[in-house]
Full PDB file with SEQRES, HELIX, SHEET, SSBOND, CRYST1, ORIGX, SCALE, CONECT and MASTER records, all heavy atoms in Angstrom:
SEQRES   1 A   42  ASP ALA SER PHE ASP SER ILE GLU SER GLY LEU PHE SER          
SEQRES   2 A   42  VAL LYS CYS ASP VAL ALA ILE SER SER VAL SER ILE THR          
SEQRES   3 A   42  ASP ALA ARG LYS ALA LYS MET ASP PHE SER THR PRO TYR          
SEQRES   4 A   42  MET ASP ASP                                                  
HELIX    1 AA1 PHE A    4  GLU A    8  1                                   5    
HELIX    2 AA2 LEU A   11  VAL A   14  5                                   4    
HELIX    3 AA3 ASP A   27  LYS A   30  1                                   4    
CRYST1    1.000    1.000    1.000  90.00  90.00  90.00 P 1           1          
ORIGX1      1.000000  0.000000  0.000000        0.00000                         
ORIGX2      0.000000  1.000000  0.000000        0.00000                         
ORIGX3      0.000000  0.000000  1.000000        0.00000                         
SCALE1      1.000000  0.000000  0.000000        0.00000                         
SCALE2      0.000000  1.000000  0.000000        0.00000                         
SCALE3      0.000000  0.000000  1.000000        0.00000                         
ATOM      1  N   ASP A   1      16.674 171.519-126.778  1.00  0.00           N  
ATOM      2  CA  ASP A   1      17.285 170.206-127.012  1.00  0.00           C  
ATOM      3  C   ASP A   1      18.609 170.151-126.261  1.00  0.00           C  
ATOM      4  O   ASP A   1      19.552 170.870-126.589  1.00  0.00           O  
ATOM      5  CB  ASP A   1      17.502 170.002-128.513  1.00  0.00           C  
ATOM      6  CG  ASP A   1      17.993 168.603-128.852  1.00  0.00           C  
ATOM      7  OD1 ASP A   1      18.131 167.773-127.926  1.00  0.00           O  
ATOM      8  OD2 ASP A   1      18.246 168.331-130.038  1.00  0.00           O  
ATOM      9  N   ALA A   2      18.677 169.295-125.229  1.00  0.00           N  
ATOM     10  CA  ALA A   2      19.861 169.190-124.380  1.00  0.00           C  
ATOM     11  C   ALA A   2      20.347 167.754-124.338  1.00  0.00           C  
ATOM     12  O   ALA A   2      19.557 166.819-124.436  1.00  0.00           O  
ATOM     13  CB  ALA A   2      19.527 169.667-122.966  1.00  0.00           C  
ATOM     14  N   SER A   3      21.631 167.559-124.188  1.00  0.00           N  
ATOM     15  CA  SER A   3      22.157 166.202-124.050  1.00  0.00           C  
ATOM     16  C   SER A   3      21.665 165.600-122.741  1.00  0.00           C  
ATOM     17  O   SER A   3      21.409 166.323-121.764  1.00  0.00           O  
ATOM     18  CB  SER A   3      23.687 166.218-124.058  1.00  0.00           C  
ATOM     19  OG  SER A   3      24.183 166.765-122.850  1.00  0.00           O  
ATOM     20  N   PHE A   4      21.543 164.257-122.715  1.00  0.00           N  
ATOM     21  CA  PHE A   4      21.091 163.623-121.483  1.00  0.00           C  
ATOM     22  C   PHE A   4      22.128 163.798-120.379  1.00  0.00           C  
ATOM     23  O   PHE A   4      21.787 163.846-119.196  1.00  0.00           O  
ATOM     24  CB  PHE A   4      20.791 162.139-121.708  1.00  0.00           C  
ATOM     25  CG  PHE A   4      19.910 161.562-120.635  1.00  0.00           C  
ATOM     26  CD1 PHE A   4      18.539 161.719-120.680  1.00  0.00           C  
ATOM     27  CD2 PHE A   4      20.460 160.895-119.555  1.00  0.00           C  
ATOM     28  CE1 PHE A   4      17.725 161.221-119.676  1.00  0.00           C  
ATOM     29  CE2 PHE A   4      19.655 160.377-118.541  1.00  0.00           C  
ATOM     30  CZ  PHE A   4      18.287 160.541-118.608  1.00  0.00           C  
ATOM     31  N   ASP A   5      23.409 163.908-120.751  1.00  0.00           N  
ATOM     32  CA  ASP A   5      24.458 164.143-119.756  1.00  0.00           C  
ATOM     33  C   ASP A   5      24.182 165.430-118.980  1.00  0.00           C  
ATOM     34  O   ASP A   5      24.344 165.482-117.763  1.00  0.00           O  
ATOM     35  CB  ASP A   5      25.829 164.237-120.429  1.00  0.00           C  
ATOM     36  CG  ASP A   5      26.363 162.888-120.872  1.00  0.00           C  
ATOM     37  OD1 ASP A   5      25.982 161.876-120.253  1.00  0.00           O  
ATOM     38  OD2 ASP A   5      27.142 162.847-121.828  1.00  0.00           O  
ATOM     39  N   SER A   6      23.778 166.482-119.703  1.00  0.00           N  
ATOM     40  CA  SER A   6      23.524 167.759-119.042  1.00  0.00           C  
ATOM     41  C   SER A   6      22.292 167.688-118.155  1.00  0.00           C  
ATOM     42  O   SER A   6      22.203 168.370-117.136  1.00  0.00           O  
ATOM     43  CB  SER A   6      23.356 168.876-120.077  1.00  0.00           C  
ATOM     44  OG  SER A   6      22.149 168.741-120.807  1.00  0.00           O  
ATOM     45  N   ILE A   7      21.344 166.844-118.542  1.00  0.00           N  
ATOM     46  CA  ILE A   7      20.139 166.663-117.715  1.00  0.00           C  
ATOM     47  C   ILE A   7      20.480 165.866-116.467  1.00  0.00           C  
ATOM     48  O   ILE A   7      20.151 166.264-115.344  1.00  0.00           O  
ATOM     49  CB  ILE A   7      19.032 165.967-118.525  1.00  0.00           C  
ATOM     50  CG1 ILE A   7      18.534 166.892-119.645  1.00  0.00           C  
ATOM     51  CG2 ILE A   7      17.877 165.549-117.618  1.00  0.00           C  
ATOM     52  CD1 ILE A   7      17.570 166.238-120.610  1.00  0.00           C  
ATOM     53  N   GLU A   8      21.172 164.750-116.638  1.00  0.00           N  
ATOM     54  CA  GLU A   8      21.499 163.888-115.498  1.00  0.00           C  
ATOM     55  C   GLU A   8      22.386 164.594-114.476  1.00  0.00           C  
ATOM     56  O   GLU A   8      22.270 164.371-113.272  1.00  0.00           O  
ATOM     57  CB  GLU A   8      22.188 162.609-115.984  1.00  0.00           C  
ATOM     58  CG  GLU A   8      22.434 161.624-114.859  1.00  0.00           C  
ATOM     59  CD  GLU A   8      23.247 160.425-115.287  1.00  0.00           C  
ATOM     60  OE1 GLU A   8      24.236 160.605-116.013  1.00  0.00           O  
ATOM     61  OE2 GLU A   8      22.900 159.302-114.885  1.00  0.00           O  
ATOM     62  N   SER A   9      23.265 165.459-114.946  1.00  0.00           N  
ATOM     63  CA  SER A   9      24.174 166.168-114.050  1.00  0.00           C  
ATOM     64  C   SER A   9      23.475 167.251-113.229  1.00  0.00           C  
ATOM     65  O   SER A   9      24.012 167.732-112.238  1.00  0.00           O  
ATOM     66  CB  SER A   9      25.301 166.819-114.857  1.00  0.00           C  
ATOM     67  OG  SER A   9      24.795 167.877-115.654  1.00  0.00           O  
ATOM     68  N   GLY A  10      22.270 167.654-113.662  1.00  0.00           N  
ATOM     69  CA  GLY A  10      21.557 168.725-112.994  1.00  0.00           C  
ATOM     70  C   GLY A  10      21.863 170.094-113.565  1.00  0.00           C  
ATOM     71  O   GLY A  10      21.270 171.102-113.154  1.00  0.00           O  
ATOM     72  N   LEU A  11      22.771 170.171-114.536  1.00  0.00           N  
ATOM     73  CA  LEU A  11      23.152 171.458-115.115  1.00  0.00           C  
ATOM     74  C   LEU A  11      22.069 172.059-116.001  1.00  0.00           C  
ATOM     75  O   LEU A  11      22.176 173.206-116.429  1.00  0.00           O  
ATOM     76  CB  LEU A  11      24.457 171.304-115.908  1.00  0.00           C  
ATOM     77  CG  LEU A  11      25.686 170.931-115.069  1.00  0.00           C  
ATOM     78  CD1 LEU A  11      26.917 170.798-115.959  1.00  0.00           C  
ATOM     79  CD2 LEU A  11      25.942 171.961-113.978  1.00  0.00           C  
ATOM     80  N   PHE A  12      21.015 171.287-116.263  1.00  0.00           N  
ATOM     81  CA  PHE A  12      19.893 171.820-117.039  1.00  0.00           C  
ATOM     82  C   PHE A  12      19.295 173.055-116.376  1.00  0.00           C  
ATOM     83  O   PHE A  12      18.669 173.902-117.030  1.00  0.00           O  
ATOM     84  CB  PHE A  12      18.810 170.752-117.230  1.00  0.00           C  
ATOM     85  CG  PHE A  12      18.064 170.395-115.977  1.00  0.00           C  
ATOM     86  CD1 PHE A  12      16.942 171.108-115.584  1.00  0.00           C  
ATOM     87  CD2 PHE A  12      18.487 169.343-115.174  1.00  0.00           C  
ATOM     88  CE1 PHE A  12      16.250 170.788-114.431  1.00  0.00           C  
ATOM     89  CE2 PHE A  12      17.804 169.008-114.009  1.00  0.00           C  
ATOM     90  CZ  PHE A  12      16.674 169.739-113.631  1.00  0.00           C  
ATOM     91  N   SER A  13      19.466 173.187-115.057  1.00  0.00           N  
ATOM     92  CA  SER A  13      18.872 174.302-114.316  1.00  0.00           C  
ATOM     93  C   SER A  13      19.431 175.647-114.739  1.00  0.00           C  
ATOM     94  O   SER A  13      18.831 176.691-114.460  1.00  0.00           O  
ATOM     95  CB  SER A  13      19.085 174.108-112.812  1.00  0.00           C  
ATOM     96  OG  SER A  13      20.466 174.073-112.497  1.00  0.00           O  
ATOM     97  N   VAL A  14      20.576 175.661-115.433  1.00  0.00           N  
ATOM     98  CA  VAL A  14      21.146 176.912-115.918  1.00  0.00           C  
ATOM     99  C   VAL A  14      20.236 177.536-116.962  1.00  0.00           C  
ATOM    100  O   VAL A  14      20.082 178.749-117.038  1.00  0.00           O  
ATOM    101  CB  VAL A  14      22.558 176.677-116.508  1.00  0.00           C  
ATOM    102  CG1 VAL A  14      23.096 177.947-117.136  1.00  0.00           C  
ATOM    103  CG2 VAL A  14      23.501 176.168-115.430  1.00  0.00           C  
ATOM    104  N   LYS A  15      19.621 176.695-117.798  1.00  0.00           N  
ATOM    105  CA  LYS A  15      18.846 177.187-118.926  1.00  0.00           C  
ATOM    106  C   LYS A  15      17.352 176.893-118.840  1.00  0.00           C  
ATOM    107  O   LYS A  15      16.562 177.497-119.564  1.00  0.00           O  
ATOM    108  CB  LYS A  15      19.381 176.556-120.219  1.00  0.00           C  
ATOM    109  CG  LYS A  15      20.786 176.993-120.610  1.00  0.00           C  
ATOM    110  CD  LYS A  15      20.786 178.408-121.154  1.00  0.00           C  
ATOM    111  CE  LYS A  15      22.164 178.788-121.667  1.00  0.00           C  
ATOM    112  NZ  LYS A  15      22.205 180.161-122.208  1.00  0.00           N  
ATOM    113  N   CYS A  16      16.954 175.923-117.998  1.00  0.00           N  
ATOM    114  CA  CYS A  16      15.576 175.430-118.043  1.00  0.00           C  
ATOM    115  C   CYS A  16      14.895 175.430-116.681  1.00  0.00           C  
ATOM    116  O   CYS A  16      15.552 175.304-115.645  1.00  0.00           O  
ATOM    117  CB  CYS A  16      15.552 174.004-118.614  1.00  0.00           C  
ATOM    118  SG  CYS A  16      16.149 173.901-120.322  1.00  0.00           S  
ATOM    119  N   ASP A  17      13.573 175.516-116.723  1.00  0.00           N  
ATOM    120  CA  ASP A  17      12.781 175.418-115.497  1.00  0.00           C  
ATOM    121  C   ASP A  17      12.696 173.983-115.010  1.00  0.00           C  
ATOM    122  O   ASP A  17      12.686 173.722-113.800  1.00  0.00           O  
ATOM    123  CB  ASP A  17      11.369 175.958-115.743  1.00  0.00           C  
ATOM    124  CG  ASP A  17      11.368 177.441-116.078  1.00  0.00           C  
ATOM    125  OD1 ASP A  17      11.875 178.224-115.257  1.00  0.00           O  
ATOM    126  OD2 ASP A  17      10.866 177.806-117.156  1.00  0.00           O  
ATOM    127  N   VAL A  18      12.591 173.047-115.941  1.00  0.00           N  
ATOM    128  CA  VAL A  18      12.516 171.617-115.624  1.00  0.00           C  
ATOM    129  C   VAL A  18      13.172 170.831-116.760  1.00  0.00           C  
ATOM    130  O   VAL A  18      13.447 171.376-117.832  1.00  0.00           O  
ATOM    131  CB  VAL A  18      11.053 171.111-115.460  1.00  0.00           C  
ATOM    132  CG1 VAL A  18      10.321 171.884-114.378  1.00  0.00           C  
ATOM    133  CG2 VAL A  18      10.302 171.193-116.789  1.00  0.00           C  
ATOM    134  N   ALA A  19      13.385 169.555-116.508  1.00  0.00           N  
ATOM    135  CA  ALA A  19      13.800 168.634-117.561  1.00  0.00           C  
ATOM    136  C   ALA A  19      12.757 167.531-117.649  1.00  0.00           C  
ATOM    137  O   ALA A  19      12.432 166.899-116.638  1.00  0.00           O  
ATOM    138  CB  ALA A  19      15.177 168.033-117.270  1.00  0.00           C  
ATOM    139  N   ILE A  20      12.223 167.329-118.844  1.00  0.00           N  
ATOM    140  CA  ILE A  20      11.261 166.259-119.093  1.00  0.00           C  
ATOM    141  C   ILE A  20      11.801 165.447-120.246  1.00  0.00           C  
ATOM    142  O   ILE A  20      11.745 165.868-121.397  1.00  0.00           O  
ATOM    143  CB  ILE A  20       9.858 166.806-119.432  1.00  0.00           C  
ATOM    144  CG1 ILE A  20       9.391 167.791-118.351  1.00  0.00           C  
ATOM    145  CG2 ILE A  20       8.855 165.666-119.565  1.00  0.00           C  
ATOM    146  CD1 ILE A  20       8.035 168.419-118.623  1.00  0.00           C  
ATOM    147  N   SER A  21      12.369 164.282-119.919  1.00  0.00           N  
ATOM    148  CA  SER A  21      13.059 163.520-120.958  1.00  0.00           C  
ATOM    149  C   SER A  21      13.194 162.057-120.567  1.00  0.00           C  
ATOM    150  O   SER A  21      14.274 161.486-120.614  1.00  0.00           O  
ATOM    151  CB  SER A  21      14.444 164.127-121.217  1.00  0.00           C  
ATOM    152  OG  SER A  21      15.016 163.635-122.403  1.00  0.00           O  
ATOM    153  N   SER A  22      12.077 161.451-120.166  1.00  0.00           N  
ATOM    154  CA  SER A  22      12.103 160.061-119.746  1.00  0.00           C  
ATOM    155  C   SER A  22      13.206 159.822-118.722  1.00  0.00           C  
ATOM    156  O   SER A  22      13.999 158.905-118.836  1.00  0.00           O  
ATOM    157  CB  SER A  22      12.299 159.149-120.964  1.00  0.00           C  
ATOM    158  OG  SER A  22      12.189 157.792-120.616  1.00  0.00           O  
ATOM    159  N   VAL A  23      13.240 160.662-117.700  1.00  0.00           N  
ATOM    160  CA  VAL A  23      14.300 160.596-116.692  1.00  0.00           C  
ATOM    161  C   VAL A  23      13.899 159.640-115.568  1.00  0.00           C  
ATOM    162  O   VAL A  23      12.902 159.864-114.873  1.00  0.00           O  
ATOM    163  CB  VAL A  23      14.592 161.994-116.105  1.00  0.00           C  
ATOM    164  CG1 VAL A  23      15.774 161.909-115.130  1.00  0.00           C  
ATOM    165  CG2 VAL A  23      14.880 162.997-117.209  1.00  0.00           C  
ATOM    166  N   SER A  24      14.666 158.575-115.393  1.00  0.00           N  
ATOM    167  CA  SER A  24      14.403 157.635-114.302  1.00  0.00           C  
ATOM    168  C   SER A  24      14.814 158.255-112.974  1.00  0.00           C  
ATOM    169  O   SER A  24      15.858 158.911-112.868  1.00  0.00           O  
ATOM    170  CB  SER A  24      15.181 156.335-114.518  1.00  0.00           C  
ATOM    171  OG  SER A  24      14.745 155.676-115.675  1.00  0.00           O  
ATOM    172  N   ILE A  25      13.997 158.041-111.957  1.00  0.00           N  
ATOM    173  CA  ILE A  25      14.273 158.576-110.627  1.00  0.00           C  
ATOM    174  C   ILE A  25      15.257 157.648-109.921  1.00  0.00           C  
ATOM    175  O   ILE A  25      14.982 156.469-109.721  1.00  0.00           O  
ATOM    176  CB  ILE A  25      12.979 158.683-109.813  1.00  0.00           C  
ATOM    177  CG1 ILE A  25      11.968 159.595-110.519  1.00  0.00           C  
ATOM    178  CG2 ILE A  25      13.268 159.198-108.396  1.00  0.00           C  
ATOM    179  CD1 ILE A  25      10.572 159.559-109.920  1.00  0.00           C  
ATOM    180  N   THR A  26      16.411 158.177-109.552  1.00  0.00           N  
ATOM    181  CA  THR A  26      17.416 157.396-108.825  1.00  0.00           C  
ATOM    182  C   THR A  26      17.927 158.209-107.643  1.00  0.00           C  
ATOM    183  O   THR A  26      17.824 159.446-107.628  1.00  0.00           O  
ATOM    184  CB  THR A  26      18.621 157.036-109.723  1.00  0.00           C  
ATOM    185  OG1 THR A  26      19.355 158.234-110.051  1.00  0.00           O  
ATOM    186  CG2 THR A  26      18.167 156.357-111.013  1.00  0.00           C  
ATOM    187  N   ASP A  27      18.510 157.526-106.653  1.00  0.00           N  
ATOM    188  CA  ASP A  27      19.051 158.221-105.488  1.00  0.00           C  
ATOM    189  C   ASP A  27      20.183 159.157-105.895  1.00  0.00           C  
ATOM    190  O   ASP A  27      20.316 160.260-105.349  1.00  0.00           O  
ATOM    191  CB  ASP A  27      19.546 157.214-104.450  1.00  0.00           C  
ATOM    192  CG  ASP A  27      18.399 156.482-103.757  1.00  0.00           C  
ATOM    193  OD1 ASP A  27      17.263 157.020-103.765  1.00  0.00           O  
ATOM    194  OD2 ASP A  27      18.635 155.384-103.222  1.00  0.00           O  
ATOM    195  N   ALA A  28      21.024 158.703-106.837  1.00  0.00           N  
ATOM    196  CA  ALA A  28      22.142 159.541-107.282  1.00  0.00           C  
ATOM    197  C   ALA A  28      21.633 160.829-107.917  1.00  0.00           C  
ATOM    198  O   ALA A  28      22.187 161.910-107.686  1.00  0.00           O  
ATOM    199  CB  ALA A  28      23.012 158.762-108.270  1.00  0.00           C  
ATOM    200  N   ARG A  29      20.588 160.726-108.712  1.00  0.00           N  
ATOM    201  CA  ARG A  29      20.041 161.920-109.356  1.00  0.00           C  
ATOM    202  C   ARG A  29      19.315 162.819-108.356  1.00  0.00           C  
ATOM    203  O   ARG A  29      19.302 164.036-108.510  1.00  0.00           O  
ATOM    204  CB  ARG A  29      19.115 161.514-110.501  1.00  0.00           C  
ATOM    205  CG  ARG A  29      19.864 160.904-111.676  1.00  0.00           C  
ATOM    206  CD  ARG A  29      18.954 160.314-112.727  1.00  0.00           C  
ATOM    207  NE  ARG A  29      19.727 159.694-113.797  1.00  0.00           N  
ATOM    208  CZ  ARG A  29      19.216 158.908-114.732  1.00  0.00           C  
ATOM    209  NH1 ARG A  29      17.915 158.631-114.732  1.00  0.00           N  
ATOM    210  NH2 ARG A  29      19.985 158.392-115.669  1.00  0.00           N  
ATOM    211  N   LYS A  30      18.716 162.216-107.337  1.00  0.00           N  
ATOM    212  CA  LYS A  30      18.027 163.014-106.315  1.00  0.00           C  
ATOM    213  C   LYS A  30      18.991 163.938-105.574  1.00  0.00           C  
ATOM    214  O   LYS A  30      18.581 164.959-105.022  1.00  0.00           O  
ATOM    215  CB  LYS A  30      17.336 162.096-105.301  1.00  0.00           C  
ATOM    216  CG  LYS A  30      16.049 161.459-105.791  1.00  0.00           C  
ATOM    217  CD  LYS A  30      15.460 160.599-104.694  1.00  0.00           C  
ATOM    218  CE  LYS A  30      14.173 159.923-105.134  1.00  0.00           C  
ATOM    219  NZ  LYS A  30      13.627 159.063-104.049  1.00  0.00           N  
ATOM    220  N   ALA A  31      20.275 163.581-105.557  1.00  0.00           N  
ATOM    221  CA  ALA A  31      21.265 164.424-104.899  1.00  0.00           C  
ATOM    222  C   ALA A  31      21.513 165.704-105.691  1.00  0.00           C  
ATOM    223  O   ALA A  31      22.015 166.697-105.144  1.00  0.00           O  
ATOM    224  CB  ALA A  31      22.573 163.656-104.731  1.00  0.00           C  
ATOM    225  N   LYS A  32      21.139 165.696-106.984  1.00  0.00           N  
ATOM    226  CA  LYS A  32      21.420 166.836-107.852  1.00  0.00           C  
ATOM    227  C   LYS A  32      20.168 167.603-108.261  1.00  0.00           C  
ATOM    228  O   LYS A  32      20.260 168.720-108.765  1.00  0.00           O  
ATOM    229  CB  LYS A  32      22.131 166.347-109.119  1.00  0.00           C  
ATOM    230  CG  LYS A  32      23.405 165.575-108.855  1.00  0.00           C  
ATOM    231  CD  LYS A  32      23.905 164.907-110.124  1.00  0.00           C  
ATOM    232  CE  LYS A  32      25.094 164.004-109.847  1.00  0.00           C  
ATOM    233  NZ  LYS A  32      25.507 163.252-111.057  1.00  0.00           N  
ATOM    234  N   MET A  33      19.003 167.004-108.069  1.00  0.00           N  
ATOM    235  CA  MET A  33      17.741 167.618-108.504  1.00  0.00           C  
ATOM    236  C   MET A  33      16.599 167.010-107.710  1.00  0.00           C  
ATOM    237  O   MET A  33      16.753 165.965-107.069  1.00  0.00           O  
ATOM    238  CB  MET A  33      17.533 167.364-109.999  1.00  0.00           C  
ATOM    239  CG  MET A  33      17.341 165.897-110.350  1.00  0.00           C  
ATOM    240  SD  MET A  33      17.632 165.498-112.105  1.00  0.00           S  
ATOM    241  CE  MET A  33      19.442 165.463-112.148  1.00  0.00           C  
ATOM    242  N   ASP A  34      15.447 167.651-107.761  1.00  0.00           N  
ATOM    243  CA  ASP A  34      14.235 167.080-107.175  1.00  0.00           C  
ATOM    244  C   ASP A  34      13.405 166.444-108.283  1.00  0.00           C  
ATOM    245  O   ASP A  34      13.601 166.749-109.467  1.00  0.00           O  
ATOM    246  CB  ASP A  34      13.417 168.160-106.461  1.00  0.00           C  
ATOM    247  CG  ASP A  34      14.078 168.625-105.174  1.00  0.00           C  
ATOM    248  OD1 ASP A  34      14.756 167.802-104.527  1.00  0.00           O  
ATOM    249  OD2 ASP A  34      13.931 169.813-104.826  1.00  0.00           O  
ATOM    250  N   PHE A  35      12.479 165.573-107.875  1.00  0.00           N  
ATOM    251  CA  PHE A  35      11.637 164.890-108.846  1.00  0.00           C  
ATOM    252  C   PHE A  35      10.166 165.059-108.506  1.00  0.00           C  
ATOM    253  O   PHE A  35       9.787 165.139-107.340  1.00  0.00           O  
ATOM    254  CB  PHE A  35      11.963 163.392-108.904  1.00  0.00           C  
ATOM    255  CG  PHE A  35      13.169 163.067-109.727  1.00  0.00           C  
ATOM    256  CD1 PHE A  35      14.402 162.857-109.128  1.00  0.00           C  
ATOM    257  CD2 PHE A  35      13.088 162.988-111.116  1.00  0.00           C  
ATOM    258  CE1 PHE A  35      15.518 162.562-109.874  1.00  0.00           C  
ATOM    259  CE2 PHE A  35      14.206 162.693-111.880  1.00  0.00           C  
ATOM    260  CZ  PHE A  35      15.421 162.485-111.264  1.00  0.00           C  
ATOM    261  N   SER A  36       9.381 165.083-109.554  1.00  0.00           N  
ATOM    262  CA  SER A  36       7.932 165.126-109.406  1.00  0.00           C  
ATOM    263  C   SER A  36       7.402 163.776-108.952  1.00  0.00           C  
ATOM    264  O   SER A  36       8.145 162.799-108.812  1.00  0.00           O  
ATOM    265  CB  SER A  36       7.300 165.462-110.754  1.00  0.00           C  
ATOM    266  OG  SER A  36       7.449 164.348-111.648  1.00  0.00           O  
ATOM    267  N   THR A  37       6.094 163.717-108.759  1.00  0.00           N  
ATOM    268  CA  THR A  37       5.412 162.437-108.645  1.00  0.00           C  
ATOM    269  C   THR A  37       5.778 161.589-109.861  1.00  0.00           C  
ATOM    270  O   THR A  37       5.783 162.099-110.986  1.00  0.00           O  
ATOM    271  CB  THR A  37       3.886 162.664-108.656  1.00  0.00           C  
ATOM    272  OG1 THR A  37       3.537 163.544-107.593  1.00  0.00           O  
ATOM    273  CG2 THR A  37       3.140 161.347-108.525  1.00  0.00           C  
ATOM    274  N   PRO A  38       6.096 160.302-109.683  1.00  0.00           N  
ATOM    275  CA  PRO A  38       6.378 159.466-110.851  1.00  0.00           C  
ATOM    276  C   PRO A  38       5.186 159.423-111.805  1.00  0.00           C  
ATOM    277  O   PRO A  38       4.040 159.371-111.368  1.00  0.00           O  
ATOM    278  CB  PRO A  38       6.628 158.077-110.241  1.00  0.00           C  
ATOM    279  CG  PRO A  38       7.010 158.353-108.829  1.00  0.00           C  
ATOM    280  CD  PRO A  38       6.215 159.559-108.416  1.00  0.00           C  
ATOM    281  N   TYR A  39       5.454 159.479-113.102  1.00  0.00           N  
ATOM    282  CA  TYR A  39       4.356 159.421-114.065  1.00  0.00           C  
ATOM    283  C   TYR A  39       4.380 158.179-114.942  1.00  0.00           C  
ATOM    284  O   TYR A  39       3.488 157.986-115.762  1.00  0.00           O  
ATOM    285  CB  TYR A  39       4.313 160.686-114.932  1.00  0.00           C  
ATOM    286  CG  TYR A  39       5.512 160.929-115.826  1.00  0.00           C  
ATOM    287  CD1 TYR A  39       5.587 160.385-117.103  1.00  0.00           C  
ATOM    288  CD2 TYR A  39       6.555 161.750-115.412  1.00  0.00           C  
ATOM    289  CE1 TYR A  39       6.667 160.624-117.941  1.00  0.00           C  
ATOM    290  CE2 TYR A  39       7.633 162.000-116.232  1.00  0.00           C  
ATOM    291  CZ  TYR A  39       7.689 161.438-117.498  1.00  0.00           C  
ATOM    292  OH  TYR A  39       8.761 161.685-118.319  1.00  0.00           O  
ATOM    293  N   MET A  40       5.390 157.308-114.768  1.00  0.00           N  
ATOM    294  CA  MET A  40       5.399 156.045-115.497  1.00  0.00           C  
ATOM    295  C   MET A  40       6.350 155.055-114.843  1.00  0.00           C  
ATOM    296  O   MET A  40       7.409 155.445-114.337  1.00  0.00           O  
ATOM    297  CB  MET A  40       5.823 156.259-116.959  1.00  0.00           C  
ATOM    298  CG  MET A  40       5.950 154.958-117.756  1.00  0.00           C  
ATOM    299  SD  MET A  40       6.454 155.213-119.484  1.00  0.00           S  
ATOM    300  CE  MET A  40       4.858 155.498-120.225  1.00  0.00           C  
ATOM    301  N   ASP A  41       5.978 153.777-114.818  1.00  0.00           N  
ATOM    302  CA  ASP A  41       6.888 152.703-114.459  1.00  0.00           C  
ATOM    303  C   ASP A  41       7.601 152.261-115.732  1.00  0.00           C  
ATOM    304  O   ASP A  41       6.956 152.096-116.770  1.00  0.00           O  
ATOM    305  CB  ASP A  41       6.128 151.505-113.873  1.00  0.00           C  
ATOM    306  CG  ASP A  41       5.491 151.830-112.524  1.00  0.00           C  
ATOM    307  OD1 ASP A  41       5.928 152.812-111.882  1.00  0.00           O  
ATOM    308  OD2 ASP A  41       4.567 151.105-112.118  1.00  0.00           O  
ATOM    309  N   ASP A  42       8.922 152.072-115.665  1.00  0.00           N  
ATOM    310  CA  ASP A  42       9.663 151.791-116.897  1.00  0.00           C  
ATOM    311  C   ASP A  42      10.892 150.932-116.633  1.00  0.00           C  
ATOM    312  O   ASP A  42      12.002 151.438-116.466  1.00  0.00           O  
ATOM    313  CB  ASP A  42      10.077 153.111-117.560  1.00  0.00           C  
ATOM    314  CG  ASP A  42      10.414 152.953-119.027  1.00  0.00           C  
ATOM    315  OD1 ASP A  42      10.064 151.913-119.606  1.00  0.00           O  
ATOM    316  OD2 ASP A  42      11.022 153.879-119.589  1.00  0.00           O  
TER     317      ASP A  42                                                      
MASTER        0    0    0    3    0    0    0    6  316    1    0    4          
END                                                                             
C-alpha cells in the first residue's frame, strides 16, 4: 500500500517491481517511468 504521490513520482521503484493503481498515462509521468499497453480508457 503506497501513496499515489510515491507512485506518480516514480519512487515506487525502490520497493516494487511495478505500480498498478489506476495510473493515467501522461507525458510528465513517462519522463519518470515506462508504461504498459493501455488497459482502460478513463
